[in-house]
Amino acid sequence: MATNTDFFDRVFEVVKQIPTGRVTSYGAIASYLGSRQSARVVGWAMNASHALPEYIPAHRVVNRNGMLSGKNFFGGSNIMQELLESEGMVIEDDLIANFKQHFWDPSIELNNKD
């Protein structure tokens, strides 16, 4: 159990650094954390983040194709979409339009920080 908690905490730290108007994927976070096979666990962390007192921008984490696969965990079917649209993204049929333009890769962005 402590291992999952530690991993979740590491996921939350990455997600808090995703800039407004950008998104990343479960797999990109897992890969950055050195656990490429743990994309599903990143999803579990995003689901658990809704119960935390600290705000975690979980709406900025989508699947590898830009699909809002976690939208059902936001308490309403359109909340995730509304949050992303409020940050300037266009969503069509639960997919982020111009996904590659909005994609933020922690392996690139966080490794290039000074």
PDB file of N, CA and C in Angstrom:
ATOM      1  N   MET A   1       0.816  -1.197   0.000  1.00  0.00           N
ATOM      2  CA  MET A   1       0.000   0.000   0.000  1.00  0.00           C
ATOM      3  C   MET A   1       0.861   1.263   0.000  1.00  0.00           C
ATOM      4  N   ALA A   2       1.940   1.279   0.779  1.00  0.00           N
ATOM      5  CA  ALA A   2       2.809   2.450   0.820  1.00  0.00           C
ATOM      6  C   ALA A   2       3.412   2.746  -0.541  1.00  0.00           C
ATOM      7  N   THR A   3       3.684   1.697  -1.316  1.00  0.00           N
ATOM      8  CA  THR A   3       4.250   1.890  -2.650  1.00  0.00           C
ATOM      9  C   THR A   3       3.280   2.648  -3.538  1.00  0.00           C
ATOM     10  N   ASN A   4       1.984   2.262  -3.526  1.00  0.00           N
ATOM     11  CA  ASN A   4       0.987   2.978  -4.307  1.00  0.00           C
ATOM     12  C   ASN A   4       0.861   4.416  -3.852  1.00  0.00           C
ATOM     13  N   THR A   5       0.872   4.636  -2.543  1.00  0.00           N
ATOM     14  CA  THR A   5       0.767   5.997  -2.017  1.00  0.00           C
ATOM     15  C   THR A   5       1.940   6.835  -2.486  1.00  0.00           C
ATOM     16  N   ASP A   6       3.133   6.301  -2.416  1.00  0.00           N
ATOM     17  CA  ASP A   6       4.315   7.025  -2.882  1.00  0.00           C
ATOM     18  C   ASP A   6       4.221   7.313  -4.375  1.00  0.00           C
ATOM     19  N   PHE A   7       3.784   6.329  -5.146  1.00  0.00           N
ATOM     20  CA  PHE A   7       3.652   6.515  -6.587  1.00  0.00           C
ATOM     21  C   PHE A   7       2.586   7.567  -6.880  1.00  0.00           C
ATOM     22  N   PHE A   8       1.450   7.491  -6.195  1.00  0.00           N
ATOM     23  CA  PHE A   8       0.396   8.491  -6.380  1.00  0.00           C
ATOM     24  C   PHE A   8       0.934   9.891  -6.092  1.00  0.00           C
ATOM     25  N   ASP A   9       1.682  10.042  -5.012  1.00  0.00           N
ATOM     26  CA  ASP A   9       2.245  11.351  -4.665  1.00  0.00           C
ATOM     27  C   ASP A   9       3.163  11.866  -5.767  1.00  0.00           C
ATOM     28  N   ARG A  10       3.956  10.985  -6.349  1.00  0.00           N
ATOM     29  CA  ARG A  10       4.841  11.374  -7.454  1.00  0.00           C
ATOM     30  C   ARG A  10       4.020  11.784  -8.677  1.00  0.00           C
ATOM     31  N   VAL A  11       2.935  11.061  -8.939  1.00  0.00           N
ATOM     32  CA  VAL A  11       2.037  11.417 -10.048  1.00  0.00           C
ATOM     33  C   VAL A  11       1.449  12.803  -9.798  1.00  0.00           C
ATOM     34  N   PHE A  12       0.965  13.045  -8.594  1.00  0.00           N
ATOM     35  CA  PHE A  12       0.353  14.345  -8.276  1.00  0.00           C
ATOM     36  C   PHE A  12       1.347  15.485  -8.485  1.00  0.00           C
ATOM     37  N   GLU A  13       2.593  15.269  -8.119  1.00  0.00           N
ATOM     38  CA  GLU A  13       3.607  16.318  -8.300  1.00  0.00           C
ATOM     39  C   GLU A  13       3.820  16.640  -9.782  1.00  0.00           C
ATOM     40  N   VAL A  14       3.770  15.634 -10.624  1.00  0.00           N
ATOM     41  CA  VAL A  14       3.901  15.874 -12.072  1.00  0.00           C
ATOM     42  C   VAL A  14       2.677  16.624 -12.581  1.00  0.00           C
ATOM     43  N   VAL A  15       1.502  16.155 -12.213  1.00  0.00           N
ATOM     44  CA  VAL A  15       0.257  16.753 -12.722  1.00  0.00           C
ATOM     45  C   VAL A  15       0.136  18.216 -12.309  1.00  0.00           C
ATOM     46  N   LYS A  16       0.584  18.556 -11.120  1.00  0.00           N
ATOM     47  CA  LYS A  16       0.516  19.956 -10.668  1.00  0.00           C
ATOM     48  C   LYS A  16       1.373  20.881 -11.534  1.00  0.00           C
ATOM     49  N   GLN A  17       2.309  20.316 -12.286  1.00  0.00           N
ATOM     50  CA  GLN A  17       3.196  21.132 -13.122  1.00  0.00           C
ATOM     51  C   GLN A  17       2.722  21.281 -14.571  1.00  0.00           C
ATOM     52  N   ILE A  18       1.631  20.614 -14.939  1.00  0.00           N
ATOM     53  CA  ILE A  18       1.105  20.747 -16.300  1.00  0.00           C
ATOM     54  C   ILE A  18       0.548  22.164 -16.440  1.00  0.00           C
ATOM     55  N   PRO A  19       1.060  22.921 -17.395  1.00  0.00           N
ATOM     56  CA  PRO A  19       0.584  24.306 -17.548  1.00  0.00           C
ATOM     57  C   PRO A  19      -0.870  24.381 -18.007  1.00  0.00           C
ATOM     58  N   THR A  20      -1.518  25.463 -17.659  1.00  0.00           N
ATOM     59  CA  THR A  20      -2.859  25.744 -18.149  1.00  0.00           C
ATOM     60  C   THR A  20      -2.843  25.727 -19.672  1.00  0.00           C
ATOM     61  N   GLY A  21      -3.853  25.080 -20.254  1.00  0.00           N
ATOM     62  CA  GLY A  21      -3.949  25.010 -21.705  1.00  0.00           C
ATOM     63  C   GLY A  21      -3.153  23.889 -22.334  1.00  0.00           C
ATOM     64  N   ARG A  22      -2.566  23.050 -21.520  1.00  0.00           N
ATOM     65  CA  ARG A  22      -1.783  21.904 -22.011  1.00  0.00           C
ATOM     66  C   ARG A  22      -2.327  20.637 -21.365  1.00  0.00           C
ATOM     67  N   VAL A  23      -2.065  19.512 -21.983  1.00  0.00           N
ATOM     68  CA  VAL A  23      -2.475  18.211 -21.450  1.00  0.00           C
ATOM     69  C   VAL A  23      -1.346  17.211 -21.622  1.00  0.00           C
ATOM     70  N   THR A  24      -1.422  16.141 -20.864  1.00  0.00           N
ATOM     71  CA  THR A  24      -0.497  15.026 -21.028  1.00  0.00           C
ATOM     72  C   THR A  24      -1.288  13.742 -20.931  1.00  0.00           C
ATOM     73  N   SER A  25      -0.611  12.631 -21.068  1.00  0.00           N
ATOM     74  CA  SER A  25      -1.301  11.339 -21.029  1.00  0.00           C
ATOM     75  C   SER A  25      -0.864  10.537 -19.806  1.00  0.00           C
ATOM     76  N   TYR A  26      -1.695   9.560 -19.487  1.00  0.00           N
ATOM     77  CA  TYR A  26      -1.378   8.657 -18.379  1.00  0.00           C
ATOM     78  C   TYR A  26      -0.036   7.977 -18.635  1.00  0.00           C
ATOM     79  N   GLY A  27       0.155   7.521 -19.856  1.00  0.00           N
ATOM     80  CA  GLY A  27       1.383   6.824 -20.215  1.00  0.00           C
ATOM     81  C   GLY A  27       2.614   7.711 -20.165  1.00  0.00           C
ATOM     82  N   ALA A  28       2.469   8.981 -20.564  1.00  0.00           N
ATOM     83  CA  ALA A  28       3.609   9.904 -20.524  1.00  0.00           C
ATOM     84  C   ALA A  28       4.060  10.144 -19.090  1.00  0.00           C
ATOM     85  N   ILE A  29       3.099  10.232 -18.179  1.00  0.00           N
ATOM     86  CA  ILE A  29       3.449  10.404 -16.759  1.00  0.00           C
ATOM     87  C   ILE A  29       4.130   9.143 -16.242  1.00  0.00           C
ATOM     88  N   ALA A  30       3.561   7.985 -16.543  1.00  0.00           N
ATOM     89  CA  ALA A  30       4.147   6.718 -16.092  1.00  0.00           C
ATOM     90  C   ALA A  30       5.568   6.572 -16.617  1.00  0.00           C
ATOM     91  N   SER A  31       5.766   6.887 -17.880  1.00  0.00           N
ATOM     92  CA  SER A  31       7.097   6.789 -18.484  1.00  0.00           C
ATOM     93  C   SER A  31       8.080   7.736 -17.795  1.00  0.00           C
ATOM     94  N   TYR A  32       7.662   8.972 -17.568  1.00  0.00           N
ATOM     95  CA  TYR A  32       8.518   9.945 -16.891  1.00  0.00           C
ATOM     96  C   TYR A  32       8.933   9.442 -15.504  1.00  0.00           C
ATOM     97  N   LEU A  33       8.014   8.771 -14.831  1.00  0.00           N
ATOM     98  CA  LEU A  33       8.298   8.279 -13.477  1.00  0.00           C
ATOM     99  C   LEU A  33       9.051   6.951 -13.480  1.00  0.00           C
ATOM    100  N   GLY A  34       9.431   6.485 -14.668  1.00  0.00           N
ATOM    101  CA  GLY A  34      10.234   5.272 -14.761  1.00  0.00           C
ATOM    102  C   GLY A  34       9.445   3.993 -14.628  1.00  0.00           C
ATOM    103  N   SER A  35       8.146   4.080 -14.861  1.00  0.00           N
ATOM    104  CA  SER A  35       7.288   2.911 -14.726  1.00  0.00           C
ATOM    105  C   SER A  35       6.331   2.858 -15.917  1.00  0.00           C
ATOM    106  N   ARG A  36       6.899   2.713 -17.081  1.00  0.00           N
ATOM    107  CA  ARG A  36       6.173   2.787 -18.352  1.00  0.00           C
ATOM    108  C   ARG A  36       4.911   1.935 -18.369  1.00  0.00           C
ATOM    109  N   GLN A  37       4.908   0.815 -17.676  1.00  0.00           N
ATOM    110  CA  GLN A  37       3.758  -0.101 -17.686  1.00  0.00           C
ATOM    111  C   GLN A  37       2.655   0.305 -16.710  1.00  0.00           C
ATOM    112  N   SER A  38       2.795   1.450 -16.068  1.00  0.00           N
ATOM    113  CA  SER A  38       1.866   1.833 -14.998  1.00  0.00           C
ATOM    114  C   SER A  38       0.873   2.926 -15.382  1.00  0.00           C
ATOM    115  N   ALA A  39       0.548   3.045 -16.660  1.00  0.00           N
ATOM    116  CA  ALA A  39      -0.414   4.074 -17.086  1.00  0.00           C
ATOM    117  C   ALA A  39      -1.750   3.914 -16.365  1.00  0.00           C
ATOM    118  N   ARG A  40      -2.183   2.697 -16.186  1.00  0.00           N
ATOM    119  CA  ARG A  40      -3.460   2.453 -15.490  1.00  0.00           C
ATOM    120  C   ARG A  40      -3.395   2.940 -14.041  1.00  0.00           C
ATOM    121  N   VAL A  41      -2.249   2.756 -13.399  1.00  0.00           N
ATOM    122  CA  VAL A  41      -2.091   3.213 -12.015  1.00  0.00           C
ATOM    123  C   VAL A  41      -2.127   4.741 -11.963  1.00  0.00           C
ATOM    124  N   VAL A  42      -1.597   5.400 -12.990  1.00  0.00           N
ATOM    125  CA  VAL A  42      -1.697   6.864 -13.074  1.00  0.00           C
ATOM    126  C   VAL A  42      -3.174   7.249 -13.140  1.00  0.00           C
ATOM    127  N   GLY A  43      -3.975   6.496 -13.880  1.00  0.00           N
ATOM    128  CA  GLY A  43      -5.413   6.739 -13.930  1.00  0.00           C
ATOM    129  C   GLY A  43      -6.061   6.578 -12.568  1.00  0.00           C
ATOM    130  N   TRP A  44      -5.661   5.575 -11.829  1.00  0.00           N
ATOM    131  CA  TRP A  44      -6.194   5.390 -10.481  1.00  0.00           C
ATOM    132  C   TRP A  44      -5.818   6.572  -9.591  1.00  0.00           C
ATOM    133  N   ALA A  45      -4.596   7.079  -9.767  1.00  0.00           N
ATOM    134  CA  ALA A  45      -4.170   8.248  -8.992  1.00  0.00           C
ATOM    135  C   ALA A  45      -5.029   9.461  -9.335  1.00  0.00           C
ATOM    136  N   MET A  46      -5.338   9.629 -10.618  1.00  0.00           N
ATOM    137  CA  MET A  46      -6.178  10.762 -11.019  1.00  0.00           C
ATOM    138  C   MET A  46      -7.566  10.649 -10.406  1.00  0.00           C
ATOM    139  N   ASN A  47      -8.096   9.445 -10.362  1.00  0.00           N
ATOM    140  CA  ASN A  47      -9.397   9.237  -9.734  1.00  0.00           C
ATOM    141  C   ASN A  47      -9.316   9.555  -8.242  1.00  0.00           C
ATOM    142  N   ALA A  48      -8.260   9.118  -7.596  1.00  0.00           N
ATOM    143  CA  ALA A  48      -8.089   9.370  -6.156  1.00  0.00           C
ATOM    144  C   ALA A  48      -7.855  10.847  -5.856  1.00  0.00           C
ATOM    145  N   SER A  49      -7.354  11.588  -6.818  1.00  0.00           N
ATOM    146  CA  SER A  49      -7.023  13.004  -6.579  1.00  0.00           C
ATOM    147  C   SER A  49      -8.247  13.845  -6.251  1.00  0.00           C
ATOM    148  N   HIS A  50      -9.426  13.407  -6.668  1.00  0.00           N
ATOM    149  CA  HIS A  50     -10.644  14.177  -6.418  1.00  0.00           C
ATOM    150  C   HIS A  50     -10.994  14.245  -4.938  1.00  0.00           C
ATOM    151  N   ALA A  51     -10.464  13.340  -4.138  1.00  0.00           N
ATOM    152  CA  ALA A  51     -10.755  13.313  -2.708  1.00  0.00           C
ATOM    153  C   ALA A  51      -9.729  14.080  -1.882  1.00  0.00           C
ATOM    154  N   LEU A  52      -8.710  14.631  -2.531  1.00  0.00           N
ATOM    155  CA  LEU A  52      -7.655  15.339  -1.807  1.00  0.00           C
ATOM    156  C   LEU A  52      -8.070  16.767  -1.485  1.00  0.00           C
ATOM    157  N   PRO A  53      -7.579  17.303  -0.373  1.00  0.00           N
ATOM    158  CA  PRO A  53      -7.872  18.706  -0.066  1.00  0.00           C
ATOM    159  C   PRO A  53      -7.129  19.671  -1.005  1.00  0.00           C
ATOM    160  N   GLU A  54      -5.988  19.237  -1.513  1.00  0.00           N
ATOM    161  CA  GLU A  54      -5.202  20.055  -2.438  1.00  0.00           C
ATOM    162  C   GLU A  54      -5.710  19.848  -3.856  1.00  0.00           C
ATOM    163  N   TYR A  55      -5.798  20.930  -4.626  1.00  0.00           N
ATOM    164  CA  TYR A  55      -6.280  20.846  -5.998  1.00  0.00           C
ATOM    165  C   TYR A  55      -5.232  20.214  -6.904  1.00  0.00           C
ATOM    166  N   ILE A  56      -5.630  19.180  -7.610  1.00  0.00           N
ATOM    167  CA  ILE A  56      -4.792  18.511  -8.605  1.00  0.00           C
ATOM    168  C   ILE A  56      -5.532  18.663  -9.942  1.00  0.00           C
ATOM    169  N   PRO A  57      -4.934  19.277 -10.958  1.00  0.00           N
ATOM    170  CA  PRO A  57      -5.638  19.487 -12.228  1.00  0.00           C
ATOM    171  C   PRO A  57      -5.738  18.211 -13.066  1.00  0.00           C
ATOM    172  N   ALA A  58      -6.464  17.237 -12.543  1.00  0.00           N
ATOM    173  CA  ALA A  58      -6.593  15.922 -13.176  1.00  0.00           C
ATOM    174  C   ALA A  58      -7.240  16.002 -14.556  1.00  0.00           C
ATOM    175  N   HIS A  59      -7.978  17.063 -14.824  1.00  0.00           N
ATOM    176  CA  HIS A  59      -8.622  17.202 -16.134  1.00  0.00           C
ATOM    177  C   HIS A  59      -7.602  17.352 -17.261  1.00  0.00           C
ATOM    178  N   ARG A  60      -6.361  17.662 -16.919  1.00  0.00           N
ATOM    179  CA  ARG A  60      -5.305  17.826 -17.919  1.00  0.00           C
ATOM    180  C   ARG A  60      -4.608  16.510 -18.272  1.00  0.00           C
ATOM    181  N   VAL A  61      -5.112  15.397 -17.761  1.00  0.00           N
ATOM    182  CA  VAL A  61      -4.535  14.085 -18.065  1.00  0.00           C
ATOM    183  C   VAL A  61      -5.567  13.288 -18.855  1.00  0.00           C
ATOM    184  N   VAL A  62      -5.184  12.892 -20.058  1.00  0.00           N
ATOM    185  CA  VAL A  62      -6.081  12.201 -20.979  1.00  0.00           C
ATOM    186  C   VAL A  62      -5.381  10.942 -21.505  1.00  0.00           C
ATOM    187  N   ASN A  63      -6.063  10.204 -22.351  1.00  0.00           N
ATOM    188  CA  ASN A  63      -5.392   9.010 -22.867  1.00  0.00           C
ATOM    189  C   ASN A  63      -4.441   9.377 -24.003  1.00  0.00           C
ATOM    190  N   ARG A  64      -3.724   8.410 -24.506  1.00  0.00           N
ATOM    191  CA  ARG A  64      -2.649   8.665 -25.484  1.00  0.00           C
ATOM    192  C   ARG A  64      -3.141   9.220 -26.805  1.00  0.00           C
ATOM    193  N   ASN A  65      -4.447   9.152 -27.051  1.00  0.00           N
ATOM    194  CA  ASN A  65      -5.019   9.683 -28.285  1.00  0.00           C
ATOM    195  C   ASN A  65      -5.708  11.028 -28.083  1.00  0.00           C
ATOM    196  N   GLY A  66      -5.658  11.548 -26.857  1.00  0.00           N
ATOM    197  CA  GLY A  66      -6.319  12.812 -26.563  1.00  0.00           C
ATOM    198  C   GLY A  66      -7.777  12.659 -26.194  1.00  0.00           C
ATOM    199  N   MET A  67      -8.186  11.446 -25.869  1.00  0.00           N
ATOM    200  CA  MET A  67      -9.577  11.204 -25.487  1.00  0.00           C
ATOM    201  C   MET A  67      -9.775  11.466 -23.999  1.00  0.00           C
ATOM    202  N   LEU A  68     -10.924  12.031 -23.659  1.00  0.00           N
ATOM    203  CA  LEU A  68     -11.261  12.326 -22.272  1.00  0.00           C
ATOM    204  C   LEU A  68     -11.756  11.059 -21.583  1.00  0.00           C
ATOM    205  N   SER A  69     -10.881  10.101 -21.453  1.00  0.00           N
ATOM    206  CA  SER A  69     -11.255   8.787 -20.937  1.00  0.00           C
ATOM    207  C   SER A  69     -11.606   8.809 -19.451  1.00  0.00           C
ATOM    208  N   GLY A  70     -11.185   9.814 -18.715  1.00  0.00           N
ATOM    209  CA  GLY A  70     -11.481   9.896 -17.284  1.00  0.00           C
ATOM    210  C   GLY A  70     -12.652  10.787 -16.952  1.00  0.00           C
ATOM    211  N   LYS A  71     -13.421  11.198 -17.946  1.00  0.00           N
ATOM    212  CA  LYS A  71     -14.468  12.199 -17.727  1.00  0.00           C
ATOM    213  C   LYS A  71     -15.536  11.768 -16.734  1.00  0.00           C
ATOM    214  N   ASN A  72     -15.774  10.479 -16.591  1.00  0.00           N
ATOM    215  CA  ASN A  72     -16.825  10.004 -15.683  1.00  0.00           C
ATOM    216  C   ASN A  72     -16.462  10.179 -14.218  1.00  0.00           C
ATOM    217  N   PHE A  73     -15.217  10.497 -13.924  1.00  0.00           N
ATOM    218  CA  PHE A  73     -14.785  10.659 -12.533  1.00  0.00           C
ATOM    219  C   PHE A  73     -14.842  12.113 -12.062  1.00  0.00           C
ATOM    220  N   PHE A  74     -15.449  12.982 -12.846  1.00  0.00           N
ATOM    221  CA  PHE A  74     -15.523  14.394 -12.505  1.00  0.00           C
ATOM    222  C   PHE A  74     -16.890  14.805 -11.973  1.00  0.00           C
ATOM    223  N   GLY A  75     -17.748  13.858 -11.658  1.00  0.00           N
ATOM    224  CA  GLY A  75     -19.033  14.179 -11.067  1.00  0.00           C
ATOM    225  C   GLY A  75     -20.084  14.607 -12.072  1.00  0.00           C
ATOM    226  N   GLY A  76     -19.770  14.604 -13.304  1.00  0.00           N
ATOM    227  CA  GLY A  76     -20.706  14.953 -14.362  1.00  0.00           C
ATOM    228  C   GLY A  76     -20.049  14.694 -15.694  1.00  0.00           C
ATOM    229  N   SER A  77     -20.835  14.342 -16.678  1.00  0.00           N
ATOM    230  CA  SER A  77     -20.250  13.902 -17.937  1.00  0.00           C
ATOM    231  C   SER A  77     -19.536  15.004 -18.713  1.00  0.00           C
ATOM    232  N   ASN A  78     -19.816  16.269 -18.447  1.00  0.00           N
ATOM    233  CA  ASN A  78     -19.205  17.344 -19.229  1.00  0.00           C
ATOM    234  C   ASN A  78     -18.212  18.209 -18.457  1.00  0.00           C
ATOM    235  N   ILE A  79     -18.010  17.936 -17.190  1.00  0.00           N
ATOM    236  CA  ILE A  79     -17.151  18.810 -16.379  1.00  0.00           C
ATOM    237  C   ILE A  79     -15.718  18.819 -16.892  1.00  0.00           C
ATOM    238  N   MET A  80     -15.157  17.662 -17.209  1.00  0.00           N
ATOM    239  CA  MET A  80     -13.787  17.606 -17.715  1.00  0.00           C
ATOM    240  C   MET A  80     -13.679  18.402 -19.012  1.00  0.00           C
ATOM    241  N   GLN A  81     -14.635  18.225 -19.895  1.00  0.00           N
ATOM    242  CA  GLN A  81     -14.640  18.952 -21.161  1.00  0.00           C
ATOM    243  C   GLN A  81     -14.744  20.458 -20.919  1.00  0.00           C
ATOM    244  N   GLU A  82     -15.617  20.866 -20.021  1.00  0.00           N
ATOM    245  CA  GLU A  82     -15.785  22.287 -19.727  1.00  0.00           C
ATOM    246  C   GLU A  82     -14.503  22.901 -19.161  1.00  0.00           C
ATOM    247  N   LEU A  83     -13.820  22.163 -18.298  1.00  0.00           N
ATOM    248  CA  LEU A  83     -12.562  22.658 -17.735  1.00  0.00           C
ATOM    249  C   LEU A  83     -11.511  22.843 -18.827  1.00  0.00           C
ATOM    250  N   LEU A  84     -11.396  21.873 -19.713  1.00  0.00           N
ATOM    251  CA  LEU A  84     -10.419  21.975 -20.809  1.00  0.00           C
ATOM    252  C   LEU A  84     -10.799  23.095 -21.778  1.00  0.00           C
ATOM    253  N   GLU A  85     -12.072  23.231 -22.078  1.00  0.00           N
ATOM    254  CA  GLU A  85     -12.514  24.304 -22.964  1.00  0.00           C
ATOM    255  C   GLU A  85     -12.265  25.670 -22.345  1.00  0.00           C
ATOM    256  N   SER A  86     -12.393  25.766 -21.019  1.00  0.00           N
ATOM    257  CA  SER A  86     -12.122  27.044 -20.350  1.00  0.00           C
ATOM    258  C   SER A  86     -10.650  27.424 -20.435  1.00  0.00           C
ATOM    259  N   GLU A  87      -9.787  26.436 -20.768  1.00  0.00           N
ATOM    260  CA  GLU A  87      -8.356  26.671 -20.937  1.00  0.00           C
ATOM    261  C   GLU A  87      -7.991  26.824 -22.414  1.00  0.00           C
ATOM    262  N   GLY A  88      -9.012  26.924 -23.278  1.00  0.00           N
ATOM    263  CA  GLY A  88      -8.770  27.208 -24.681  1.00  0.00           C
ATOM    264  C   GLY A  88      -8.753  26.022 -25.623  1.00  0.00           C
ATOM    265  N   MET A  89      -9.046  24.835 -25.129  1.00  0.00           N
ATOM    266  CA  MET A  89      -9.038  23.659 -26.003  1.00  0.00           C
ATOM    267  C   MET A  89     -10.403  23.451 -26.634  1.00  0.00           C
ATOM    268  N   VAL A  90     -10.390  22.857 -27.797  1.00  0.00           N
ATOM    269  CA  VAL A  90     -11.615  22.485 -28.495  1.00  0.00           C
ATOM    270  C   VAL A  90     -11.765  20.976 -28.351  1.00  0.00           C
ATOM    271  N   ILE A  91     -12.944  20.559 -27.912  1.00  0.00           N
ATOM    272  CA  ILE A  91     -13.219  19.136 -27.713  1.00  0.00           C
ATOM    273  C   ILE A  91     -14.321  18.736 -28.693  1.00  0.00           C
ATOM    274  N   GLU A  92     -14.074  17.686 -29.447  1.00  0.00           N
ATOM    275  CA  GLU A  92     -15.056  17.157 -30.392  1.00  0.00           C
ATOM    276  C   GLU A  92     -15.193  15.663 -30.167  1.00  0.00           C
ATOM    277  N   ASP A  93     -16.406  15.236 -29.826  1.00  0.00           N
ATOM    278  CA  ASP A  93     -16.665  13.809 -29.573  1.00  0.00           C
ATOM    279  C   ASP A  93     -15.688  13.226 -28.554  1.00  0.00           C
ATOM    280  N   ASP A  94     -15.494  13.942 -27.456  1.00  0.00           N
ATOM    281  CA  ASP A  94     -14.613  13.524 -26.354  1.00  0.00           C
ATOM    282  C   ASP A  94     -13.137  13.453 -26.725  1.00  0.00           C
ATOM    283  N   LEU A  95     -12.755  14.061 -27.845  1.00  0.00           N
ATOM    284  CA  LEU A  95     -11.351  14.113 -28.262  1.00  0.00           C
ATOM    285  C   LEU A  95     -10.878  15.565 -28.309  1.00  0.00           C
ATOM    286  N   ILE A  96      -9.638  15.791 -27.889  1.00  0.00           N
ATOM    287  CA  ILE A  96      -9.049  17.119 -27.965  1.00  0.00           C
ATOM    288  C   ILE A  96      -8.601  17.376 -29.395  1.00  0.00           C
ATOM    289  N   ALA A  97      -9.172  18.421 -29.998  1.00  0.00           N
ATOM    290  CA  ALA A  97      -8.751  18.813 -31.346  1.00  0.00           C
ATOM    291  C   ALA A  97      -7.331  19.359 -31.244  1.00  0.00           C
ATOM    292  N   ASN A  98      -6.519  19.112 -32.233  1.00  0.00           N
ATOM    293  CA  ASN A  98      -5.116  19.553 -32.225  1.00  0.00           C
ATOM    294  C   ASN A  98      -4.388  19.043 -30.985  1.00  0.00           C
ATOM    295  N   PHE A  99      -4.622  17.797 -30.661  1.00  0.00           N
ATOM    296  CA  PHE A  99      -4.033  17.193 -29.466  1.00  0.00           C
ATOM    297  C   PHE A  99      -2.518  17.376 -29.405  1.00  0.00           C
ATOM    298  N   LYS A 100      -1.836  17.129 -30.506  1.00  0.00           N
ATOM    299  CA  LYS A 100      -0.368  17.248 -30.507  1.00  0.00           C
ATOM    300  C   LYS A 100       0.089  18.657 -30.153  1.00  0.00           C
ATOM    301  N   GLN A 101      -0.672  19.653 -30.555  1.00  0.00           N
ATOM    302  CA  GLN A 101      -0.338  21.053 -30.251  1.00  0.00           C
ATOM    303  C   GLN A 101      -0.444  21.332 -28.750  1.00  0.00           C
ATOM    304  N   HIS A 102      -1.356  20.670 -28.077  1.00  0.00           N
ATOM    305  CA  HIS A 102      -1.584  20.894 -26.646  1.00  0.00           C
ATOM    306  C   HIS A 102      -0.801  19.938 -25.752  1.00  0.00           C
ATOM    307  N   PHE A 103      -0.179  18.916 -26.364  1.00  0.00           N
ATOM    308  CA  PHE A 103       0.475  17.878 -25.581  1.00  0.00           C
ATOM    309  C   PHE A 103       1.713  18.402 -24.858  1.00  0.00           C
ATOM    310  N   TRP A 104       1.817  18.082 -23.603  1.00  0.00           N
ATOM    311  CA  TRP A 104       2.934  18.453 -22.726  1.00  0.00           C
ATOM    312  C   TRP A 104       3.573  17.151 -22.268  1.00  0.00           C
ATOM    313  N   ASP A 105       4.825  16.929 -22.646  1.00  0.00           N
ATOM    314  CA  ASP A 105       5.514  15.690 -22.309  1.00  0.00           C
ATOM    315  C   ASP A 105       6.430  15.945 -21.112  1.00  0.00           C
ATOM    316  N   PRO A 106       6.111  15.368 -19.961  1.00  0.00           N
ATOM    317  CA  PRO A 106       6.942  15.620 -18.781  1.00  0.00           C
ATOM    318  C   PRO A 106       8.382  15.177 -18.957  1.00  0.00           C
ATOM    319  N   SER A 107       8.627  14.162 -19.776  1.00  0.00           N
ATOM    320  CA  SER A 107       9.998  13.698 -19.984  1.00  0.00           C
ATOM    321  C   SER A 107      10.839  14.749 -20.686  1.00  0.00           C
ATOM    322  N   ILE A 108      10.204  15.592 -21.469  1.00  0.00           N
ATOM    323  CA  ILE A 108      10.906  16.694 -22.135  1.00  0.00           C
ATOM    324  C   ILE A 108      10.878  17.950 -21.283  1.00  0.00           C
ATOM    325  N   GLU A 109       9.677  18.333 -20.875  1.00  0.00           N
ATOM    326  CA  GLU A 109       9.478  19.598 -20.162  1.00  0.00           C
ATOM    327  C   GLU A 109      10.147  19.632 -18.794  1.00  0.00           C
ATOM    328  N   LEU A 110      10.040  18.578 -18.042  1.00  0.00           N
ATOM    329  CA  LEU A 110      10.601  18.588 -16.690  1.00  0.00           C
ATOM    330  C   LEU A 110      12.088  18.283 -16.681  1.00  0.00           C
ATOM    331  N   ASN A 111      12.574  17.574 -17.681  1.00  0.00           N
ATOM    332  CA  ASN A 111      14.006  17.313 -17.746  1.00  0.00           C
ATOM    333  C   ASN A 111      14.787  18.516 -18.285  1.00  0.00           C
ATOM    334  N   ASN A 112      14.074  19.470 -18.888  1.00  0.00           N
ATOM    335  CA  ASN A 112      14.725  20.678 -19.410  1.00  0.00           C
ATOM    336  C   ASN A 112      14.635  21.853 -18.461  1.00  0.00           C
ATOM    337  N   LYS A 113      14.035  21.641 -17.283  1.00  0.00           N
ATOM    338  CA  LYS A 113      13.947  22.718 -16.299  1.00  0.00           C
ATOM    339  C   LYS A 113      15.318  22.986 -15.704  1.00  0.00           C
ATOM    340  N   ASP A 114      15.560  24.234 -15.418  1.00  0.00           N
ATOM    341  CA  ASP A 114      16.842  24.594 -14.766  1.00  0.00           C
ATOM    342  C   ASP A 114      16.800  24.371 -13.294  1.00  0.00           C
TER     343      ASP A 114
END
